[in-house]
Amino acid sequence: GGLLLLGGRIGDIMGRRSTLICGVLLFCLASLLGGL
């Protein structure tokens, strides 16, 4: 919630497709670390 609006701004400035991929990969890495 705290970074949701910043995330949207990053997509506008850096390009949405690459931002989506970076966000998803970060989410996956965090999920792996959490499971371990």
PDB file of all heavy atoms in Angstrom:
ATOM      1  N   GLY A   1       0.799  -1.217   0.000  1.00  0.00           N
ATOM      2  CA  GLY A   1       0.000   0.000   0.000  1.00  0.00           C
ATOM      3  C   GLY A   1       0.830   1.265   0.000  1.00  0.00           C
ATOM      4  O   GLY A   1       0.504   2.240  -0.689  1.00  0.00           O
ATOM      5  N   GLY A   2       1.933   1.263   0.769  1.00  0.00           N
ATOM      6  CA  GLY A   2       2.751   2.460   0.876  1.00  0.00           C
ATOM      7  C   GLY A   2       3.484   2.822  -0.407  1.00  0.00           C
ATOM      8  O   GLY A   2       3.783   3.997  -0.652  1.00  0.00           O
ATOM      9  N   LEU A   3       3.787   1.825  -1.230  1.00  0.00           N
ATOM     10  CA  LEU A   3       4.582   2.071  -2.435  1.00  0.00           C
ATOM     11  C   LEU A   3       3.781   1.890  -3.719  1.00  0.00           C
ATOM     12  O   LEU A   3       4.351   1.936  -4.817  1.00  0.00           O
ATOM     13  CB  LEU A   3       5.797   1.130  -2.455  1.00  0.00           C
ATOM     14  CG  LEU A   3       6.746   1.251  -1.254  1.00  0.00           C
ATOM     15  CD1 LEU A   3       7.839   0.206  -1.337  1.00  0.00           C
ATOM     16  CD2 LEU A   3       7.362   2.650  -1.198  1.00  0.00           C
ATOM     17  N   LEU A   4       2.469   1.692  -3.604  1.00  0.00           N
ATOM     18  CA  LEU A   4       1.632   1.416  -4.770  1.00  0.00           C
ATOM     19  C   LEU A   4       1.666   2.560  -5.778  1.00  0.00           C
ATOM     20  O   LEU A   4       1.833   2.341  -6.991  1.00  0.00           O
ATOM     21  CB  LEU A   4       0.196   1.160  -4.305  1.00  0.00           C
ATOM     22  CG  LEU A   4      -0.806   0.646  -5.336  1.00  0.00           C
ATOM     23  CD1 LEU A   4      -0.392  -0.725  -5.841  1.00  0.00           C
ATOM     24  CD2 LEU A   4      -2.205   0.572  -4.716  1.00  0.00           C
ATOM     25  N   LEU A   5       1.528   3.782  -5.314  1.00  0.00           N
ATOM     26  CA  LEU A   5       1.527   4.926  -6.224  1.00  0.00           C
ATOM     27  C   LEU A   5       2.911   5.150  -6.829  1.00  0.00           C
ATOM     28  O   LEU A   5       3.028   5.533  -7.996  1.00  0.00           O
ATOM     29  CB  LEU A   5       1.057   6.179  -5.483  1.00  0.00           C
ATOM     30  CG  LEU A   5      -0.397   6.146  -5.005  1.00  0.00           C
ATOM     31  CD1 LEU A   5      -0.723   7.402  -4.198  1.00  0.00           C
ATOM     32  CD2 LEU A   5      -1.356   6.026  -6.182  1.00  0.00           C
ATOM     33  N   LEU A   6       3.958   4.898  -6.036  1.00  0.00           N
ATOM     34  CA  LEU A   6       5.319   4.998  -6.569  1.00  0.00           C
ATOM     35  C   LEU A   6       5.536   3.952  -7.660  1.00  0.00           C
ATOM     36  O   LEU A   6       6.190   4.226  -8.677  1.00  0.00           O
ATOM     37  CB  LEU A   6       6.345   4.824  -5.457  1.00  0.00           C
ATOM     38  CG  LEU A   6       7.820   4.874  -5.885  1.00  0.00           C
ATOM     39  CD1 LEU A   6       8.160   6.243  -6.450  1.00  0.00           C
ATOM     40  CD2 LEU A   6       8.731   4.548  -4.715  1.00  0.00           C
ATOM     41  N   GLY A   7       4.985   2.748  -7.460  1.00  0.00           N
ATOM     42  CA  GLY A   7       5.113   1.707  -8.467  1.00  0.00           C
ATOM     43  C   GLY A   7       4.489   2.121  -9.789  1.00  0.00           C
ATOM     44  O   GLY A   7       5.060   1.872 -10.865  1.00  0.00           O
ATOM     45  N   GLY A   8       3.324   2.748  -9.732  1.00  0.00           N
ATOM     46  CA  GLY A   8       2.706   3.241 -10.954  1.00  0.00           C
ATOM     47  C   GLY A   8       3.547   4.309 -11.624  1.00  0.00           C
ATOM     48  O   GLY A   8       3.660   4.339 -12.863  1.00  0.00           O
ATOM     49  N   ARG A   9       4.150   5.185 -10.831  1.00  0.00           N
ATOM     50  CA  ARG A   9       5.007   6.232 -11.384  1.00  0.00           C
ATOM     51  C   ARG A   9       6.243   5.638 -12.054  1.00  0.00           C
ATOM     52  O   ARG A   9       6.683   6.103 -13.106  1.00  0.00           O
ATOM     53  CB  ARG A   9       5.422   7.185 -10.253  1.00  0.00           C
ATOM     54  CG  ARG A   9       6.312   8.342 -10.670  1.00  0.00           C
ATOM     55  CD  ARG A   9       5.587   9.379 -11.491  1.00  0.00           C
ATOM     56  NE  ARG A   9       4.424   9.891 -10.794  1.00  0.00           N
ATOM     57  CZ  ARG A   9       4.491  10.845  -9.845  1.00  0.00           C
ATOM     58  NH1 ARG A   9       5.650  11.365  -9.499  1.00  0.00           N
ATOM     59  NH2 ARG A   9       3.386  11.273  -9.260  1.00  0.00           N
ATOM     60  N   ILE A  10       6.814   4.602 -11.452  1.00  0.00           N
ATOM     61  CA  ILE A  10       7.991   3.948 -12.043  1.00  0.00           C
ATOM     62  C   ILE A  10       7.644   3.397 -13.426  1.00  0.00           C
ATOM     63  O   ILE A  10       8.413   3.530 -14.379  1.00  0.00           O
ATOM     64  CB  ILE A  10       8.499   2.815 -11.127  1.00  0.00           C
ATOM     65  CG1 ILE A  10       9.086   3.406  -9.840  1.00  0.00           C
ATOM     66  CG2 ILE A  10       9.556   1.966 -11.842  1.00  0.00           C
ATOM     67  CD1 ILE A  10       9.458   2.357  -8.808  1.00  0.00           C
ATOM     68  N   GLY A  11       6.474   2.774 -13.554  1.00  0.00           N
ATOM     69  CA  GLY A  11       6.056   2.240 -14.843  1.00  0.00           C
ATOM     70  C   GLY A  11       5.898   3.321 -15.897  1.00  0.00           C
ATOM     71  O   GLY A  11       6.278   3.134 -17.064  1.00  0.00           O
ATOM     72  N   ASP A  12       5.352   4.467 -15.507  1.00  0.00           N
ATOM     73  CA  ASP A  12       5.178   5.561 -16.460  1.00  0.00           C
ATOM     74  C   ASP A  12       6.519   6.093 -16.952  1.00  0.00           C
ATOM     75  O   ASP A  12       6.676   6.422 -18.127  1.00  0.00           O
ATOM     76  CB  ASP A  12       4.385   6.701 -15.816  1.00  0.00           C
ATOM     77  CG  ASP A  12       2.941   6.315 -15.535  1.00  0.00           C
ATOM     78  OD1 ASP A  12       2.460   5.351 -16.161  1.00  0.00           O
ATOM     79  OD2 ASP A  12       2.313   6.953 -14.669  1.00  0.00           O
ATOM     80  N   ILE A  13       7.491   6.182 -16.070  1.00  0.00           N
ATOM     81  CA  ILE A  13       8.775   6.797 -16.404  1.00  0.00           C
ATOM     82  C   ILE A  13       9.743   5.809 -17.058  1.00  0.00           C
ATOM     83  O   ILE A  13      10.438   6.138 -18.026  1.00  0.00           O
ATOM     84  CB  ILE A  13       9.410   7.408 -15.138  1.00  0.00           C
ATOM     85  CG1 ILE A  13       8.531   8.552 -14.606  1.00  0.00           C
ATOM     86  CG2 ILE A  13      10.827   7.912 -15.422  1.00  0.00           C
ATOM     87  CD1 ILE A  13       8.994   9.137 -13.294  1.00  0.00           C
ATOM     88  N   MET A  14       9.778   4.578 -16.557  1.00  0.00           N
ATOM     89  CA  MET A  14      10.760   3.599 -17.018  1.00  0.00           C
ATOM     90  C   MET A  14      10.233   2.667 -18.106  1.00  0.00           C
ATOM     91  O   MET A  14      11.004   1.903 -18.689  1.00  0.00           O
ATOM     92  CB  MET A  14      11.237   2.750 -15.828  1.00  0.00           C
ATOM     93  CG  MET A  14      11.830   3.542 -14.686  1.00  0.00           C
ATOM     94  SD  MET A  14      13.296   4.489 -15.170  1.00  0.00           S
ATOM     95  CE  MET A  14      14.446   3.159 -15.530  1.00  0.00           C
ATOM     96  N   GLY A  15       8.942   2.711 -18.391  1.00  0.00           N
ATOM     97  CA  GLY A  15       8.350   1.778 -19.344  1.00  0.00           C
ATOM     98  C   GLY A  15       7.622   0.681 -18.599  1.00  0.00           C
ATOM     99  O   GLY A  15       8.178   0.044 -17.704  1.00  0.00           O
ATOM    100  N   ARG A  16       6.356   0.440 -18.962  1.00  0.00           N
ATOM    101  CA  ARG A  16       5.518  -0.432 -18.142  1.00  0.00           C
ATOM    102  C   ARG A  16       5.870  -1.908 -18.276  1.00  0.00           C
ATOM    103  O   ARG A  16       5.801  -2.660 -17.299  1.00  0.00           O
ATOM    104  CB  ARG A  16       4.050  -0.199 -18.505  1.00  0.00           C
ATOM    105  CG  ARG A  16       3.556   1.179 -18.086  1.00  0.00           C
ATOM    106  CD  ARG A  16       2.203   1.512 -18.689  1.00  0.00           C
ATOM    107  NE  ARG A  16       1.788   2.859 -18.322  1.00  0.00           N
ATOM    108  CZ  ARG A  16       0.794   3.519 -18.900  1.00  0.00           C
ATOM    109  NH1 ARG A  16       0.123   2.943 -19.897  1.00  0.00           N
ATOM    110  NH2 ARG A  16       0.476   4.739 -18.527  1.00  0.00           N
ATOM    111  N   ARG A  17       6.248  -2.356 -19.461  1.00  0.00           N
ATOM    112  CA  ARG A  17       6.524  -3.787 -19.621  1.00  0.00           C
ATOM    113  C   ARG A  17       7.752  -4.206 -18.826  1.00  0.00           C
ATOM    114  O   ARG A  17       7.733  -5.198 -18.096  1.00  0.00           O
ATOM    115  CB  ARG A  17       6.715  -4.133 -21.099  1.00  0.00           C
ATOM    116  CG  ARG A  17       6.821  -5.641 -21.350  1.00  0.00           C
ATOM    117  CD  ARG A  17       7.017  -5.941 -22.815  1.00  0.00           C
ATOM    118  NE  ARG A  17       8.282  -5.401 -23.308  1.00  0.00           N
ATOM    119  CZ  ARG A  17       8.506  -5.064 -24.566  1.00  0.00           C
ATOM    120  NH1 ARG A  17       7.537  -5.189 -25.466  1.00  0.00           N
ATOM    121  NH2 ARG A  17       9.677  -4.585 -24.943  1.00  0.00           N
ATOM    122  N   SER A  18       8.825  -3.448 -18.942  1.00  0.00           N
ATOM    123  CA  SER A  18      10.033  -3.798 -18.189  1.00  0.00           C
ATOM    124  C   SER A  18       9.807  -3.651 -16.696  1.00  0.00           C
ATOM    125  O   SER A  18      10.324  -4.435 -15.889  1.00  0.00           O
ATOM    126  CB  SER A  18      11.208  -2.915 -18.633  1.00  0.00           C
ATOM    127  OG  SER A  18      10.889  -1.541 -18.491  1.00  0.00           O
ATOM    128  N   THR A  19       9.005  -2.662 -16.299  1.00  0.00           N
ATOM    129  CA  THR A  19       8.690  -2.485 -14.878  1.00  0.00           C
ATOM    130  C   THR A  19       7.872  -3.664 -14.368  1.00  0.00           C
ATOM    131  O   THR A  19       8.102  -4.165 -13.251  1.00  0.00           O
ATOM    132  CB  THR A  19       7.907  -1.177 -14.668  1.00  0.00           C
ATOM    133  OG1 THR A  19       8.700  -0.083 -15.132  1.00  0.00           O
ATOM    134  CG2 THR A  19       7.579  -0.969 -13.199  1.00  0.00           C
ATOM    135  N   LEU A  20       6.916  -4.138 -15.175  1.00  0.00           N
ATOM    136  CA  LEU A  20       6.117  -5.302 -14.798  1.00  0.00           C
ATOM    137  C   LEU A  20       7.022  -6.515 -14.570  1.00  0.00           C
ATOM    138  O   LEU A  20       6.891  -7.223 -13.557  1.00  0.00           O
ATOM    139  CB  LEU A  20       5.098  -5.609 -15.887  1.00  0.00           C
ATOM    140  CG  LEU A  20       4.274  -6.895 -15.685  1.00  0.00           C
ATOM    141  CD1 LEU A  20       3.162  -6.638 -14.687  1.00  0.00           C
ATOM    142  CD2 LEU A  20       3.696  -7.390 -16.997  1.00  0.00           C
ATOM    143  N   ILE A  21       7.932  -6.755 -15.491  1.00  0.00           N
ATOM    144  CA  ILE A  21       8.826  -7.917 -15.377  1.00  0.00           C
ATOM    145  C   ILE A  21       9.688  -7.809 -14.122  1.00  0.00           C
ATOM    146  O   ILE A  21       9.848  -8.788 -13.375  1.00  0.00           O
ATOM    147  CB  ILE A  21       9.697  -8.036 -16.639  1.00  0.00           C
ATOM    148  CG1 ILE A  21       8.820  -8.346 -17.857  1.00  0.00           C
ATOM    149  CG2 ILE A  21      10.763  -9.119 -16.476  1.00  0.00           C
ATOM    150  CD1 ILE A  21       9.545  -8.265 -19.188  1.00  0.00           C
ATOM    151  N   CYS A  22      10.242  -6.630 -13.862  1.00  0.00           N
ATOM    152  CA  CYS A  22      11.080  -6.442 -12.661  1.00  0.00           C
ATOM    153  C   CYS A  22      10.265  -6.672 -11.389  1.00  0.00           C
ATOM    154  O   CYS A  22      10.735  -7.322 -10.449  1.00  0.00           O
ATOM    155  CB  CYS A  22      11.681  -5.036 -12.659  1.00  0.00           C
ATOM    156  SG  CYS A  22      12.942  -4.768 -13.911  1.00  0.00           S
ATOM    157  N   GLY A  23       9.044  -6.135 -11.357  1.00  0.00           N
ATOM    158  CA  GLY A  23       8.201  -6.320 -10.180  1.00  0.00           C
ATOM    159  C   GLY A  23       7.844  -7.772  -9.947  1.00  0.00           C
ATOM    160  O   GLY A  23       7.885  -8.266  -8.811  1.00  0.00           O
ATOM    161  N   VAL A  24       7.514  -8.493 -11.020  1.00  0.00           N
ATOM    162  CA  VAL A  24       7.155  -9.906 -10.903  1.00  0.00           C
ATOM    163  C   VAL A  24       8.349 -10.741 -10.444  1.00  0.00           C
ATOM    164  O   VAL A  24       8.215 -11.624  -9.584  1.00  0.00           O
ATOM    165  CB  VAL A  24       6.602 -10.422 -12.247  1.00  0.00           C
ATOM    166  CG1 VAL A  24       6.535 -11.945 -12.259  1.00  0.00           C
ATOM    167  CG2 VAL A  24       5.230  -9.834 -12.512  1.00  0.00           C
ATOM    168  N   LEU A  25       9.533 -10.472 -11.013  1.00  0.00           N
ATOM    169  CA  LEU A  25      10.718 -11.238 -10.616  1.00  0.00           C
ATOM    170  C   LEU A  25      11.094 -10.959  -9.158  1.00  0.00           C
ATOM    171  O   LEU A  25      11.519 -11.868  -8.433  1.00  0.00           O
ATOM    172  CB  LEU A  25      11.886 -10.905 -11.540  1.00  0.00           C
ATOM    173  CG  LEU A  25      11.763 -11.444 -12.972  1.00  0.00           C
ATOM    174  CD1 LEU A  25      12.950 -10.980 -13.818  1.00  0.00           C
ATOM    175  CD2 LEU A  25      11.667 -12.966 -12.978  1.00  0.00           C
ATOM    176  N   LEU A  26      10.937  -9.706  -8.717  1.00  0.00           N
ATOM    177  CA  LEU A  26      11.185  -9.397  -7.312  1.00  0.00           C
ATOM    178  C   LEU A  26      10.197 -10.127  -6.421  1.00  0.00           C
ATOM    179  O   LEU A  26      10.554 -10.660  -5.357  1.00  0.00           O
ATOM    180  CB  LEU A  26      11.081  -7.883  -7.090  1.00  0.00           C
ATOM    181  CG  LEU A  26      11.324  -7.382  -5.663  1.00  0.00           C
ATOM    182  CD1 LEU A  26      12.740  -7.748  -5.197  1.00  0.00           C
ATOM    183  CD2 LEU A  26      11.117  -5.873  -5.585  1.00  0.00           C
ATOM    184  N   PHE A  27       8.940 -10.181  -6.845  1.00  0.00           N
ATOM    185  CA  PHE A  27       7.910 -10.904  -6.104  1.00  0.00           C
ATOM    186  C   PHE A  27       8.261 -12.390  -6.005  1.00  0.00           C
ATOM    187  O   PHE A  27       8.108 -13.017  -4.951  1.00  0.00           O
ATOM    188  CB  PHE A  27       6.563 -10.719  -6.813  1.00  0.00           C
ATOM    189  CG  PHE A  27       5.367 -11.180  -6.036  1.00  0.00           C
ATOM    190  CD1 PHE A  27       4.711 -10.323  -5.178  1.00  0.00           C
ATOM    191  CD2 PHE A  27       4.894 -12.480  -6.165  1.00  0.00           C
ATOM    192  CE1 PHE A  27       3.593 -10.745  -4.464  1.00  0.00           C
ATOM    193  CE2 PHE A  27       3.796 -12.913  -5.455  1.00  0.00           C
ATOM    194  CZ  PHE A  27       3.140 -12.039  -4.598  1.00  0.00           C
ATOM    195  N   CYS A  28       8.744 -12.963  -7.100  1.00  0.00           N
ATOM    196  CA  CYS A  28       9.121 -14.382  -7.111  1.00  0.00           C
ATOM    197  C   CYS A  28      10.295 -14.649  -6.176  1.00  0.00           C
ATOM    198  O   CYS A  28      10.303 -15.638  -5.435  1.00  0.00           O
ATOM    199  CB  CYS A  28       9.506 -14.815  -8.520  1.00  0.00           C
ATOM    200  SG  CYS A  28       8.120 -14.952  -9.626  1.00  0.00           S
ATOM    201  N   LEU A  29      11.313 -13.784  -6.236  1.00  0.00           N
ATOM    202  CA  LEU A  29      12.472 -13.952  -5.359  1.00  0.00           C
ATOM    203  C   LEU A  29      12.053 -13.893  -3.898  1.00  0.00           C
ATOM    204  O   LEU A  29      12.486 -14.717  -3.078  1.00  0.00           O
ATOM    205  CB  LEU A  29      13.507 -12.858  -5.656  1.00  0.00           C
ATOM    206  CG  LEU A  29      14.728 -12.808  -4.725  1.00  0.00           C
ATOM    207  CD1 LEU A  29      15.534 -14.100  -4.816  1.00  0.00           C
ATOM    208  CD2 LEU A  29      15.597 -11.586  -5.052  1.00  0.00           C
ATOM    209  N   ALA A  30      11.199 -12.937  -3.568  1.00  0.00           N
ATOM    210  CA  ALA A  30      10.722 -12.808  -2.190  1.00  0.00           C
ATOM    211  C   ALA A  30       9.925 -14.033  -1.773  1.00  0.00           C
ATOM    212  O   ALA A  30      10.038 -14.503  -0.631  1.00  0.00           O
ATOM    213  CB  ALA A  30       9.878 -11.543  -2.051  1.00  0.00           C
ATOM    214  N   SER A  31       9.104 -14.560  -2.686  1.00  0.00           N
ATOM    215  CA  SER A  31       8.326 -15.758  -2.374  1.00  0.00           C
ATOM    216  C   SER A  31       9.234 -16.940  -2.094  1.00  0.00           C
ATOM    217  O   SER A  31       8.984 -17.730  -1.169  1.00  0.00           O
ATOM    218  CB  SER A  31       7.384 -16.087  -3.539  1.00  0.00           C
ATOM    219  OG  SER A  31       6.471 -15.037  -3.772  1.00  0.00           O
ATOM    220  N   LEU A  32      10.285 -17.083  -2.887  1.00  0.00           N
ATOM    221  CA  LEU A  32      11.241 -18.169  -2.671  1.00  0.00           C
ATOM    222  C   LEU A  32      11.935 -18.026  -1.318  1.00  0.00           C
ATOM    223  O   LEU A  32      12.050 -18.998  -0.560  1.00  0.00           O
ATOM    224  CB  LEU A  32      12.270 -18.175  -3.798  1.00  0.00           C
ATOM    225  CG  LEU A  32      13.364 -19.244  -3.724  1.00  0.00           C
ATOM    226  CD1 LEU A  32      12.763 -20.640  -3.794  1.00  0.00           C
ATOM    227  CD2 LEU A  32      14.399 -19.035  -4.834  1.00  0.00           C
ATOM    228  N   LEU A  33      12.366 -16.826  -1.000  1.00  0.00           N
ATOM    229  CA  LEU A  33      13.030 -16.594   0.285  1.00  0.00           C
ATOM    230  C   LEU A  33      12.077 -16.843   1.452  1.00  0.00           C
ATOM    231  O   LEU A  33      12.466 -17.405   2.477  1.00  0.00           O
ATOM    232  CB  LEU A  33      13.568 -15.164   0.338  1.00  0.00           C
ATOM    233  CG  LEU A  33      14.694 -14.819  -0.652  1.00  0.00           C
ATOM    234  CD1 LEU A  33      15.042 -13.342  -0.565  1.00  0.00           C
ATOM    235  CD2 LEU A  33      15.924 -15.669  -0.379  1.00  0.00           C
ATOM    236  N   GLY A  34      10.826 -16.423   1.296  1.00  0.00           N
ATOM    237  CA  GLY A  34       9.842 -16.654   2.352  1.00  0.00           C
ATOM    238  C   GLY A  34       9.569 -18.131   2.567  1.00  0.00           C
ATOM    239  O   GLY A  34       9.438 -18.596   3.698  1.00  0.00           O
ATOM    240  N   GLY A  35       9.479 -18.889   1.480  1.00  0.00           N
ATOM    241  CA  GLY A  35       9.245 -20.319   1.608  1.00  0.00           C
ATOM    242  C   GLY A  35      10.406 -21.049   2.260  1.00  0.00           C
ATOM    243  O   GLY A  35      10.209 -22.092   2.901  1.00  0.00           O
ATOM    244  N   LEU A  36      11.607 -20.509   2.119  1.00  0.00           N
ATOM    245  CA  LEU A  36      12.805 -21.128   2.707  1.00  0.00           C
ATOM    246  C   LEU A  36      13.091 -20.621   4.116  1.00  0.00           C
ATOM    247  O   LEU A  36      14.062 -21.073   4.738  1.00  0.00           O
ATOM    248  CB  LEU A  36      14.020 -20.857   1.817  1.00  0.00           C
ATOM    249  CG  LEU A  36      13.983 -21.472   0.406  1.00  0.00           C
ATOM    250  CD1 LEU A  36      15.174 -20.977  -0.409  1.00  0.00           C
ATOM    251  CD2 LEU A  36      13.976 -22.994   0.477  1.00  0.00           C
TER     252      LEU A  36
END
